[in-house]
Amino acid sequence: MEFGPHLMLAVLEGAVTAAVLALMASGLSLVFGVMRVVNVAHGQFFMLGAVLAWAVSSALGGGAWGFVAALVLAPLIAGALAVAADLTVLKRVGYDPERTIVATIGLLYILQQAALMTYGPEARPVAPPFNTRLALPWVEFGPDGPGLIWPWGLSITSYKLFVMAAAAAVLAGLWLLMSRTRIGLVMRATQLDGETAQAFGIPVGRVYAGVFGLGAALAALAGVLIVPIQQAHYLMGGEALLLSFIVVIIGGLGSLGGTVIAALLIGLSDGIVSVFFSPTLAKILATLLVALVLVFRPEGLMGKAAR
């Protein structure tokens, strides 16, 4: 293939990464935006979603119905565990920033070791419910004008297209929830001033538990979507957490729009740099981008400066 088709292939692969990353980072950003809690265990809910996807799919014999069941059950189970963790741990430490970091570090190791003991150290694959390979055309300019060609190897699978579409639909639903519903209004009121919101009768404790559960469910959903592309493993949450923090810092803590833009930026650049150079260089460039953002715009691309 020539450079153009290679670039198109890299962009498509980067778009898949960006879609999954946007889902996971939006959960992390939502938790910080409403609760002002840095959830260090967020990556383990991503891992939990992938592990549960394998467990549910295997229990139901695989296939499309097994994967659909995993899409529903894994986020619900992860969200329920997060709500329980909030009520039993985070609420008891008063959502103090330093204590919650220590508490979520403990939650990280609990989830990781529980997965190791019950699931084992092996990486396990989950078959996608559909995986048709779709050839893609490329425009070539010749003596007679532009024409379509079909370069060998320029293709994408139907499942990867589904991942991008599903992530876009969930993010659109999250935006509608936050901006067009009473639940979103309550969340935004709690985010602006929790004490005033409680004075007006808003159950802030329930809002915090719901937000923490929703953030974990989004991370688990991202894990379910990615596991047919990357195998499930009990250590897979570490890199996902690092990339999510990079996205949230670049986009702006608590900004859903900034998180999506940063996920696209990191995902596409990761795909392009990984294809043409190396995955290690892609991670180095992402880290340098974070450093530049922290120096020149500490609040992030779309974050609001503290007053």
C-alpha atoms as a PDB file:
ATOM      1  CA  MET A   1       0.000   0.000   0.000  1.00  0.00           C
ATOM      2  CA  GLU A   2       1.005   3.587  -0.577  1.00  0.00           C
ATOM      3  CA  PHE A   3       1.157   6.253   2.115  1.00  0.00           C
ATOM      4  CA  GLY A   4      -2.464   7.431   1.711  1.00  0.00           C
ATOM      5  CA  PRO A   5      -4.136   4.043   2.303  1.00  0.00           C
ATOM      6  CA  HIS A   6      -1.738   3.359   5.178  1.00  0.00           C
ATOM      7  CA  LEU A   7      -2.744   6.680   6.748  1.00  0.00           C
ATOM      8  CA  MET A   8      -6.435   5.868   6.336  1.00  0.00           C
ATOM      9  CA  LEU A   9      -5.936   2.486   7.996  1.00  0.00           C
ATOM     10  CA  ALA A  10      -4.055   4.112  10.882  1.00  0.00           C
ATOM     11  CA  VAL A  11      -6.819   6.688  11.360  1.00  0.00           C
ATOM     12  CA  LEU A  12      -9.479   3.964  11.481  1.00  0.00           C
ATOM     13  CA  GLU A  13      -7.540   1.978  14.065  1.00  0.00           C
ATOM     14  CA  GLY A  14      -7.002   5.160  16.057  1.00  0.00           C
ATOM     15  CA  ALA A  15     -10.723   5.929  15.899  1.00  0.00           C
ATOM     16  CA  VAL A  16     -11.517   2.586  17.557  1.00  0.00           C
ATOM     17  CA  THR A  17      -9.046   3.369  20.339  1.00  0.00           C
ATOM     18  CA  ALA A  18     -10.489   6.878  20.682  1.00  0.00           C
ATOM     19  CA  ALA A  19     -14.055   5.541  20.963  1.00  0.00           C
ATOM     20  CA  VAL A  20     -13.221   3.153  23.811  1.00  0.00           C
ATOM     21  CA  LEU A  21     -10.995   5.729  25.498  1.00  0.00           C
ATOM     22  CA  ALA A  22     -13.709   8.400  25.333  1.00  0.00           C
ATOM     23  CA  LEU A  23     -16.166   6.063  27.050  1.00  0.00           C
ATOM     24  CA  MET A  24     -13.776   5.216  29.858  1.00  0.00           C
ATOM     25  CA  ALA A  25     -12.416   8.730  30.360  1.00  0.00           C
ATOM     26  CA  SER A  26     -15.930  10.228  30.399  1.00  0.00           C
ATOM     27  CA  GLY A  27     -16.698   8.086  33.452  1.00  0.00           C
ATOM     28  CA  LEU A  28     -13.539   9.279  35.192  1.00  0.00           C
ATOM     29  CA  SER A  29     -14.290  12.901  34.275  1.00  0.00           C
ATOM     30  CA  LEU A  30     -17.901  12.613  35.454  1.00  0.00           C
ATOM     31  CA  VAL A  31     -16.865  11.279  38.863  1.00  0.00           C
ATOM     32  CA  PHE A  32     -14.328  14.053  39.369  1.00  0.00           C
ATOM     33  CA  GLY A  33     -16.629  16.755  38.003  1.00  0.00           C
ATOM     34  CA  VAL A  34     -19.530  15.974  40.336  1.00  0.00           C
ATOM     35  CA  MET A  35     -17.809  14.439  43.367  1.00  0.00           C
ATOM     36  CA  ARG A  36     -14.313  15.976  43.175  1.00  0.00           C
ATOM     37  CA  VAL A  37     -12.976  12.459  43.695  1.00  0.00           C
ATOM     38  CA  VAL A  38      -9.961  11.105  41.798  1.00  0.00           C
ATOM     39  CA  ASN A  39     -10.901   7.459  41.309  1.00  0.00           C
ATOM     40  CA  VAL A  40      -7.590   5.590  41.085  1.00  0.00           C
ATOM     41  CA  ALA A  41      -9.523   2.300  40.814  1.00  0.00           C
ATOM     42  CA  HIS A  42     -11.266   3.390  37.607  1.00  0.00           C
ATOM     43  CA  GLY A  43      -9.033   1.193  35.435  1.00  0.00           C
ATOM     44  CA  GLN A  44      -9.996  -1.881  37.439  1.00  0.00           C
ATOM     45  CA  PHE A  45     -13.661  -1.387  36.563  1.00  0.00           C
ATOM     46  CA  PHE A  46     -12.532  -1.412  32.923  1.00  0.00           C
ATOM     47  CA  MET A  47     -10.710  -4.679  33.616  1.00  0.00           C
ATOM     48  CA  LEU A  48     -13.747  -6.004  35.475  1.00  0.00           C
ATOM     49  CA  GLY A  49     -15.949  -5.312  32.455  1.00  0.00           C
ATOM     50  CA  ALA A  50     -13.612  -7.296  30.203  1.00  0.00           C
ATOM     51  CA  VAL A  51     -13.338 -10.205  32.652  1.00  0.00           C
ATOM     52  CA  LEU A  52     -17.102 -10.318  33.200  1.00  0.00           C
ATOM     53  CA  ALA A  53     -17.624 -10.219  29.430  1.00  0.00           C
ATOM     54  CA  TRP A  54     -15.534 -13.383  29.131  1.00  0.00           C
ATOM     55  CA  ALA A  55     -17.287 -15.038  32.090  1.00  0.00           C
ATOM     56  CA  VAL A  56     -20.834 -14.228  30.920  1.00  0.00           C
ATOM     57  CA  SER A  57     -20.117 -15.057  27.293  1.00  0.00           C
ATOM     58  CA  SER A  58     -18.491 -18.385  28.243  1.00  0.00           C
ATOM     59  CA  ALA A  59     -21.345 -19.293  30.586  1.00  0.00           C
ATOM     60  CA  LEU A  60     -23.884 -18.726  27.801  1.00  0.00           C
ATOM     61  CA  GLY A  61     -21.882 -20.579  25.173  1.00  0.00           C
ATOM     62  CA  GLY A  62     -20.576 -17.520  23.358  1.00  0.00           C
ATOM     63  CA  GLY A  63     -22.229 -16.165  20.247  1.00  0.00           C
ATOM     64  CA  ALA A  64     -24.238 -13.004  19.782  1.00  0.00           C
ATOM     65  CA  TRP A  65     -26.599 -13.604  22.703  1.00  0.00           C
ATOM     66  CA  GLY A  66     -23.725 -14.210  25.103  1.00  0.00           C
ATOM     67  CA  PHE A  67     -22.093 -10.956  24.057  1.00  0.00           C
ATOM     68  CA  VAL A  68     -25.363  -8.997  24.332  1.00  0.00           C
ATOM     69  CA  ALA A  69     -25.858 -10.402  27.838  1.00  0.00           C
ATOM     70  CA  ALA A  70     -22.312  -9.301  28.723  1.00  0.00           C
ATOM     71  CA  LEU A  71     -23.025  -5.812  27.382  1.00  0.00           C
ATOM     72  CA  VAL A  72     -25.944  -5.545  29.795  1.00  0.00           C
ATOM     73  CA  LEU A  73     -24.749  -7.471  32.846  1.00  0.00           C
ATOM     74  CA  ALA A  74     -21.103  -6.362  33.114  1.00  0.00           C
ATOM     75  CA  PRO A  75     -21.826  -2.594  33.443  1.00  0.00           C
ATOM     76  CA  LEU A  76     -24.671  -3.317  35.891  1.00  0.00           C
ATOM     77  CA  ILE A  77     -22.470  -5.515  38.098  1.00  0.00           C
ATOM     78  CA  ALA A  78     -19.556  -3.049  37.996  1.00  0.00           C
ATOM     79  CA  GLY A  79     -21.897  -0.143  38.734  1.00  0.00           C
ATOM     80  CA  ALA A  80     -23.450  -1.993  41.682  1.00  0.00           C
ATOM     81  CA  LEU A  81     -19.998  -2.770  43.122  1.00  0.00           C
ATOM     82  CA  ALA A  82     -19.017   0.893  42.744  1.00  0.00           C
ATOM     83  CA  VAL A  83     -22.183   2.045  44.535  1.00  0.00           C
ATOM     84  CA  ALA A  84     -21.432  -0.386  47.363  1.00  0.00           C
ATOM     85  CA  ALA A  85     -17.833   0.893  47.562  1.00  0.00           C
ATOM     86  CA  ASP A  86     -19.083   4.474  47.707  1.00  0.00           C
ATOM     87  CA  LEU A  87     -21.575   3.793  50.499  1.00  0.00           C
ATOM     88  CA  THR A  88     -19.238   1.645  52.594  1.00  0.00           C
ATOM     89  CA  VAL A  89     -15.907   3.435  52.077  1.00  0.00           C
ATOM     90  CA  LEU A  90     -15.948   6.823  50.342  1.00  0.00           C
ATOM     91  CA  LYS A  91     -18.953   8.141  52.246  1.00  0.00           C
ATOM     92  CA  ARG A  92     -17.379   7.141  55.558  1.00  0.00           C
ATOM     93  CA  VAL A  93     -14.210   9.145  54.826  1.00  0.00           C
ATOM     94  CA  GLY A  94     -16.320  12.188  53.945  1.00  0.00           C
ATOM     95  CA  TYR A  95     -15.099  12.321  50.319  1.00  0.00           C
ATOM     96  CA  ASP A  96     -11.912  13.947  51.563  1.00  0.00           C
ATOM     97  CA  PRO A  97      -9.563  14.239  48.527  1.00  0.00           C
ATOM     98  CA  GLU A  98      -6.508  12.673  50.185  1.00  0.00           C
ATOM     99  CA  ARG A  99      -8.448   9.895  51.925  1.00  0.00           C
ATOM    100  CA  THR A 100     -10.417   8.996  48.799  1.00  0.00           C
ATOM    101  CA  ILE A 101      -7.198   8.571  46.818  1.00  0.00           C
ATOM    102  CA  VAL A 102      -5.896   6.140  49.437  1.00  0.00           C
ATOM    103  CA  ALA A 103      -9.277   4.393  49.581  1.00  0.00           C
ATOM    104  CA  THR A 104      -9.503   3.942  45.812  1.00  0.00           C
ATOM    105  CA  ILE A 105      -5.922   2.643  45.714  1.00  0.00           C
ATOM    106  CA  GLY A 106      -7.047  -0.013  48.180  1.00  0.00           C
ATOM    107  CA  LEU A 107     -10.104  -0.716  46.008  1.00  0.00           C
ATOM    108  CA  LEU A 108      -7.772  -1.064  43.006  1.00  0.00           C
ATOM    109  CA  TYR A 109      -5.787  -3.854  44.663  1.00  0.00           C
ATOM    110  CA  ILE A 110      -8.906  -5.580  45.987  1.00  0.00           C
ATOM    111  CA  LEU A 111     -10.486  -5.758  42.523  1.00  0.00           C
ATOM    112  CA  GLN A 112      -7.228  -6.751  40.848  1.00  0.00           C
ATOM    113  CA  GLN A 113      -6.427  -9.555  43.294  1.00  0.00           C
ATOM    114  CA  ALA A 114     -10.036 -10.772  43.343  1.00  0.00           C
ATOM    115  CA  ALA A 115      -9.910 -11.054  39.548  1.00  0.00           C
ATOM    116  CA  LEU A 116      -6.579 -12.900  39.745  1.00  0.00           C
ATOM    117  CA  MET A 117      -7.866 -15.403  42.296  1.00  0.00           C
ATOM    118  CA  THR A 118     -11.166 -16.135  40.537  1.00  0.00           C
ATOM    119  CA  TYR A 119     -10.191 -15.631  36.900  1.00  0.00           C
ATOM    120  CA  GLY A 120      -6.530 -16.620  36.821  1.00  0.00           C
ATOM    121  CA  PRO A 121      -3.460 -14.999  35.243  1.00  0.00           C
ATOM    122  CA  GLU A 122      -4.160 -16.109  31.674  1.00  0.00           C
ATOM    123  CA  ALA A 123      -5.303 -13.708  28.960  1.00  0.00           C
ATOM    124  CA  ARG A 124      -8.590 -14.965  27.547  1.00  0.00           C
ATOM    125  CA  PRO A 125     -10.229 -14.050  24.235  1.00  0.00           C
ATOM    126  CA  VAL A 126     -13.885 -13.306  23.589  1.00  0.00           C
ATOM    127  CA  ALA A 127     -15.148 -13.942  20.063  1.00  0.00           C
ATOM    128  CA  PRO A 128     -16.930 -10.934  18.522  1.00  0.00           C
ATOM    129  CA  PRO A 129     -20.613 -11.504  17.731  1.00  0.00           C
ATOM    130  CA  PHE A 130     -19.930 -10.506  14.120  1.00  0.00           C
ATOM    131  CA  ASN A 131     -16.645  -9.812  12.413  1.00  0.00           C
ATOM    132  CA  THR A 132     -17.113  -9.399   8.688  1.00  0.00           C
ATOM    133  CA  ARG A 133     -14.095  -7.837   7.004  1.00  0.00           C
ATOM    134  CA  LEU A 134     -15.092  -4.884   4.825  1.00  0.00           C
ATOM    135  CA  ALA A 135     -12.765  -3.778   2.027  1.00  0.00           C
ATOM    136  CA  LEU A 136     -12.355  -0.014   1.752  1.00  0.00           C
ATOM    137  CA  PRO A 137     -11.821   1.994  -1.435  1.00  0.00           C
ATOM    138  CA  TRP A 138      -9.192   4.656  -2.049  1.00  0.00           C
ATOM    139  CA  VAL A 139      -9.318   7.544  -4.528  1.00  0.00           C
ATOM    140  CA  GLU A 140      -6.450   7.535  -7.015  1.00  0.00           C
ATOM    141  CA  PHE A 141      -5.819  10.351  -9.455  1.00  0.00           C
ATOM    142  CA  GLY A 142      -4.735   9.134 -12.870  1.00  0.00           C
ATOM    143  CA  PRO A 143      -4.478  10.552 -16.405  1.00  0.00           C
ATOM    144  CA  ASP A 144      -8.240  10.186 -16.827  1.00  0.00           C
ATOM    145  CA  GLY A 145      -9.095  11.830 -13.518  1.00  0.00           C
ATOM    146  CA  PRO A 146      -9.957  10.407 -10.109  1.00  0.00           C
ATOM    147  CA  GLY A 147     -10.978   6.790  -9.790  1.00  0.00           C
ATOM    148  CA  LEU A 148     -11.641   4.258  -7.050  1.00  0.00           C
ATOM    149  CA  ILE A 149      -9.152   1.504  -6.348  1.00  0.00           C
ATOM    150  CA  TRP A 150      -9.264  -1.265  -3.748  1.00  0.00           C
ATOM    151  CA  PRO A 151      -5.770  -1.590  -2.208  1.00  0.00           C
ATOM    152  CA  TRP A 152      -4.951  -5.004  -0.762  1.00  0.00           C
ATOM    153  CA  GLY A 153      -5.111  -4.899   3.021  1.00  0.00           C
ATOM    154  CA  LEU A 154      -7.151  -1.684   3.274  1.00  0.00           C
ATOM    155  CA  SER A 155     -10.124  -2.937   5.277  1.00  0.00           C
ATOM    156  CA  ILE A 156     -11.905  -2.800   8.611  1.00  0.00           C
ATOM    157  CA  THR A 157     -14.142  -5.271  10.412  1.00  0.00           C
ATOM    158  CA  SER A 158     -17.826  -4.747  11.030  1.00  0.00           C
ATOM    159  CA  TYR A 159     -17.259  -5.181  14.774  1.00  0.00           C
ATOM    160  CA  LYS A 160     -14.848  -2.237  14.932  1.00  0.00           C
ATOM    161  CA  LEU A 161     -17.434  -0.083  13.171  1.00  0.00           C
ATOM    162  CA  PHE A 162     -19.956  -1.243  15.778  1.00  0.00           C
ATOM    163  CA  VAL A 163     -17.591  -0.203  18.599  1.00  0.00           C
ATOM    164  CA  MET A 164     -17.313   3.316  17.178  1.00  0.00           C
ATOM    165  CA  ALA A 165     -21.077   3.587  16.665  1.00  0.00           C
ATOM    166  CA  ALA A 166     -21.895   2.192  20.117  1.00  0.00           C
ATOM    167  CA  ALA A 167     -19.468   4.559  21.868  1.00  0.00           C
ATOM    168  CA  ALA A 168     -20.893   7.545  19.962  1.00  0.00           C
ATOM    169  CA  ALA A 169     -24.454   6.534  20.907  1.00  0.00           C
ATOM    170  CA  VAL A 170     -23.605   6.091  24.600  1.00  0.00           C
ATOM    171  CA  LEU A 171     -21.737   9.416  24.752  1.00  0.00           C
ATOM    172  CA  ALA A 172     -24.658  11.180  23.054  1.00  0.00           C
ATOM    173  CA  GLY A 173     -27.001   9.592  25.594  1.00  0.00           C
ATOM    174  CA  LEU A 174     -24.734  10.729  28.445  1.00  0.00           C
ATOM    175  CA  TRP A 175     -24.761  14.295  27.092  1.00  0.00           C
ATOM    176  CA  LEU A 176     -28.576  14.238  26.848  1.00  0.00           C
ATOM    177  CA  LEU A 177     -28.784  12.864  30.399  1.00  0.00           C
ATOM    178  CA  MET A 178     -26.581  15.653  31.750  1.00  0.00           C
ATOM    179  CA  SER A 179     -28.096  18.533  29.778  1.00  0.00           C
ATOM    180  CA  ARG A 180     -31.749  17.644  29.136  1.00  0.00           C
ATOM    181  CA  THR A 181     -33.050  15.658  32.118  1.00  0.00           C
ATOM    182  CA  ARG A 182     -33.921  16.313  35.731  1.00  0.00           C
ATOM    183  CA  ILE A 183     -31.276  13.794  36.809  1.00  0.00           C
ATOM    184  CA  GLY A 184     -28.636  15.778  34.940  1.00  0.00           C
ATOM    185  CA  LEU A 185     -29.902  19.004  36.512  1.00  0.00           C
ATOM    186  CA  VAL A 186     -29.538  17.461  39.973  1.00  0.00           C
ATOM    187  CA  MET A 187     -25.999  16.294  39.108  1.00  0.00           C
ATOM    188  CA  ARG A 188     -25.012  19.739  37.850  1.00  0.00           C
ATOM    189  CA  ALA A 189     -26.480  21.417  40.905  1.00  0.00           C
ATOM    190  CA  THR A 190     -24.544  19.066  43.168  1.00  0.00           C
ATOM    191  CA  GLN A 191     -21.400  19.747  41.139  1.00  0.00           C
ATOM    192  CA  LEU A 192     -21.735  23.519  41.526  1.00  0.00           C
ATOM    193  CA  ASP A 193     -22.445  23.573  45.270  1.00  0.00           C
ATOM    194  CA  GLY A 194     -23.164  20.394  47.192  1.00  0.00           C
ATOM    195  CA  GLU A 195     -24.094  22.153  50.447  1.00  0.00           C
ATOM    196  CA  THR A 196     -26.615  24.460  48.778  1.00  0.00           C
ATOM    197  CA  ALA A 197     -28.050  21.551  46.793  1.00  0.00           C
ATOM    198  CA  GLN A 198     -28.543  19.600  50.025  1.00  0.00           C
ATOM    199  CA  ALA A 199     -30.212  22.612  51.634  1.00  0.00           C
ATOM    200  CA  PHE A 200     -32.750  22.572  48.789  1.00  0.00           C
ATOM    201  CA  GLY A 201     -33.594  18.935  49.440  1.00  0.00           C
ATOM    202  CA  ILE A 202     -31.306  17.195  46.941  1.00  0.00           C
ATOM    203  CA  PRO A 203     -30.044  13.877  48.401  1.00  0.00           C
ATOM    204  CA  VAL A 204     -26.369  14.559  47.752  1.00  0.00           C
ATOM    205  CA  GLY A 205     -25.263  11.194  49.166  1.00  0.00           C
ATOM    206  CA  ARG A 206     -27.474   9.321  46.705  1.00  0.00           C
ATOM    207  CA  VAL A 207     -26.282  11.524  43.851  1.00  0.00           C
ATOM    208  CA  TYR A 208     -22.656  10.745  44.709  1.00  0.00           C
ATOM    209  CA  ALA A 209     -23.361   7.005  44.877  1.00  0.00           C
ATOM    210  CA  GLY A 210     -25.207   7.108  41.553  1.00  0.00           C
ATOM    211  CA  VAL A 211     -22.461   9.109  39.848  1.00  0.00           C
ATOM    212  CA  PHE A 212     -19.737   6.787  41.147  1.00  0.00           C
ATOM    213  CA  GLY A 213     -21.734   3.806  39.910  1.00  0.00           C
ATOM    214  CA  LEU A 214     -22.365   5.418  36.508  1.00  0.00           C
ATOM    215  CA  GLY A 215     -18.662   6.182  36.064  1.00  0.00           C
ATOM    216  CA  ALA A 216     -17.748   2.567  36.851  1.00  0.00           C
ATOM    217  CA  ALA A 217     -20.458   1.279  34.500  1.00  0.00           C
ATOM    218  CA  LEU A 218     -19.059   3.384  31.638  1.00  0.00           C
ATOM    219  CA  ALA A 219     -15.570   1.983  32.276  1.00  0.00           C
ATOM    220  CA  ALA A 220     -16.943  -1.578  32.372  1.00  0.00           C
ATOM    221  CA  LEU A 221     -18.859  -0.996  29.131  1.00  0.00           C
ATOM    222  CA  ALA A 222     -15.615   0.139  27.503  1.00  0.00           C
ATOM    223  CA  GLY A 223     -13.993  -3.084  28.735  1.00  0.00           C
ATOM    224  CA  VAL A 224     -16.765  -5.210  27.244  1.00  0.00           C
ATOM    225  CA  LEU A 225     -16.467  -3.455  23.873  1.00  0.00           C
ATOM    226  CA  ILE A 226     -12.686  -3.802  23.661  1.00  0.00           C
ATOM    227  CA  VAL A 227     -12.329  -7.424  24.795  1.00  0.00           C
ATOM    228  CA  PRO A 228     -13.120  -8.989  21.369  1.00  0.00           C
ATOM    229  CA  ILE A 229     -10.246  -6.855  20.009  1.00  0.00           C
ATOM    230  CA  GLN A 230      -7.861  -7.199  22.981  1.00  0.00           C
ATOM    231  CA  GLN A 231      -7.907 -10.245  25.233  1.00  0.00           C
ATOM    232  CA  ALA A 232      -9.149  -9.940  28.803  1.00  0.00           C
ATOM    233  CA  HIS A 233      -6.418  -9.913  31.448  1.00  0.00           C
ATOM    234  CA  TYR A 234      -6.401  -9.047  35.137  1.00  0.00           C
ATOM    235  CA  LEU A 235      -3.618  -6.451  34.624  1.00  0.00           C
ATOM    236  CA  MET A 236      -5.217  -4.630  31.686  1.00  0.00           C
ATOM    237  CA  GLY A 237      -6.588  -1.807  33.843  1.00  0.00           C
ATOM    238  CA  GLY A 238      -3.219  -0.130  34.440  1.00  0.00           C
ATOM    239  CA  GLU A 239      -2.544   1.227  30.960  1.00  0.00           C
ATOM    240  CA  ALA A 240      -6.223   2.089  30.478  1.00  0.00           C
ATOM    241  CA  LEU A 241      -6.182   4.161  33.672  1.00  0.00           C
ATOM    242  CA  LEU A 242      -3.032   6.008  32.571  1.00  0.00           C
ATOM    243  CA  LEU A 243      -4.520   6.870  29.172  1.00  0.00           C
ATOM    244  CA  SER A 244      -7.775   7.967  30.827  1.00  0.00           C
ATOM    245  CA  PHE A 245      -5.920  10.340  33.140  1.00  0.00           C
ATOM    246  CA  ILE A 246      -4.034  11.728  30.136  1.00  0.00           C
ATOM    247  CA  VAL A 247      -7.313  12.327  28.296  1.00  0.00           C
ATOM    248  CA  VAL A 248      -9.029  13.925  31.295  1.00  0.00           C
ATOM    249  CA  ILE A 249      -6.075  16.215  32.036  1.00  0.00           C
ATOM    250  CA  ILE A 250      -5.840  17.363  28.412  1.00  0.00           C
ATOM    251  CA  GLY A 251      -9.588  17.792  27.981  1.00  0.00           C
ATOM    252  CA  GLY A 252     -10.170  19.471  31.325  1.00  0.00           C
ATOM    253  CA  LEU A 253     -11.254  17.875  34.594  1.00  0.00           C
ATOM    254  CA  GLY A 254     -15.039  17.592  34.680  1.00  0.00           C
ATOM    255  CA  SER A 255     -15.569  18.623  31.029  1.00  0.00           C
ATOM    256  CA  LEU A 256     -17.382  15.969  28.997  1.00  0.00           C
ATOM    257  CA  GLY A 257     -16.840  17.793  25.703  1.00  0.00           C
ATOM    258  CA  GLY A 258     -13.161  18.298  26.431  1.00  0.00           C
ATOM    259  CA  THR A 259     -12.822  14.617  27.337  1.00  0.00           C
ATOM    260  CA  VAL A 260     -14.266  13.520  23.980  1.00  0.00           C
ATOM    261  CA  ILE A 261     -12.025  15.927  22.043  1.00  0.00           C
ATOM    262  CA  ALA A 262      -8.938  14.811  23.973  1.00  0.00           C
ATOM    263  CA  ALA A 263      -9.834  11.134  23.463  1.00  0.00           C
ATOM    264  CA  LEU A 264     -10.054  11.707  19.706  1.00  0.00           C
ATOM    265  CA  LEU A 265      -6.729  13.551  19.774  1.00  0.00           C
ATOM    266  CA  ILE A 266      -4.942  10.850  21.784  1.00  0.00           C
ATOM    267  CA  GLY A 267      -6.611   7.924  20.027  1.00  0.00           C
ATOM    268  CA  LEU A 268      -5.957   9.147  16.487  1.00  0.00           C
ATOM    269  CA  SER A 269      -2.392  10.189  17.247  1.00  0.00           C
ATOM    270  CA  ASP A 270      -1.781   6.828  18.945  1.00  0.00           C
ATOM    271  CA  GLY A 271      -3.059   4.969  15.891  1.00  0.00           C
ATOM    272  CA  ILE A 272      -1.045   7.007  13.396  1.00  0.00           C
ATOM    273  CA  VAL A 273       2.209   7.070  15.365  1.00  0.00           C
ATOM    274  CA  SER A 274       1.924   3.356  16.248  1.00  0.00           C
ATOM    275  CA  VAL A 275       1.456   2.361  12.596  1.00  0.00           C
ATOM    276  CA  PHE A 276       4.211   4.542  11.128  1.00  0.00           C
ATOM    277  CA  PHE A 277       6.674   4.506  14.052  1.00  0.00           C
ATOM    278  CA  SER A 278       6.100   2.559  17.292  1.00  0.00           C
ATOM    279  CA  PRO A 279       3.531   2.279  20.116  1.00  0.00           C
ATOM    280  CA  THR A 280       6.191   3.369  22.619  1.00  0.00           C
ATOM    281  CA  LEU A 281       6.723   6.647  20.772  1.00  0.00           C
ATOM    282  CA  ALA A 282       2.958   7.212  20.787  1.00  0.00           C
ATOM    283  CA  LYS A 283       2.877   6.944  24.596  1.00  0.00           C
ATOM    284  CA  ILE A 284       5.892   9.272  24.910  1.00  0.00           C
ATOM    285  CA  LEU A 285       4.218  11.908  22.730  1.00  0.00           C
ATOM    286  CA  ALA A 286       0.997  11.641  24.752  1.00  0.00           C
ATOM    287  CA  THR A 287       2.954  12.222  27.965  1.00  0.00           C
ATOM    288  CA  LEU A 288       4.729  15.220  26.454  1.00  0.00           C
ATOM    289  CA  LEU A 289       1.361  16.631  25.386  1.00  0.00           C
ATOM    290  CA  VAL A 290       0.128  16.378  28.979  1.00  0.00           C
ATOM    291  CA  ALA A 291       3.228  18.243  30.173  1.00  0.00           C
ATOM    292  CA  LEU A 292       2.632  21.022  27.637  1.00  0.00           C
ATOM    293  CA  VAL A 293      -1.020  21.339  28.627  1.00  0.00           C
ATOM    294  CA  LEU A 294      -0.119  21.505  32.327  1.00  0.00           C
ATOM    295  CA  VAL A 295       2.423  24.253  31.624  1.00  0.00           C
ATOM    296  CA  PHE A 296       0.445  26.449  29.226  1.00  0.00           C
ATOM    297  CA  ARG A 297      -3.186  25.626  30.107  1.00  0.00           C
ATOM    298  CA  PRO A 298      -3.426  23.867  33.479  1.00  0.00           C
ATOM    299  CA  GLU A 299      -7.241  23.759  33.384  1.00  0.00           C
ATOM    300  CA  GLY A 300      -7.192  21.722  30.139  1.00  0.00           C
ATOM    301  CA  LEU A 301      -8.515  22.461  26.684  1.00  0.00           C
ATOM    302  CA  MET A 302     -12.119  23.030  27.802  1.00  0.00           C
ATOM    303  CA  GLY A 303     -11.794  23.163  31.566  1.00  0.00           C
ATOM    304  CA  LYS A 304     -12.631  26.251  33.574  1.00  0.00           C
ATOM    305  CA  ALA A 305      -9.912  28.046  35.483  1.00  0.00           C
ATOM    306  CA  ALA A 306     -10.345  28.128  39.243  1.00  0.00           C
ATOM    307  CA  ARG A 307     -11.396  31.500  40.642  1.00  0.00           C
END
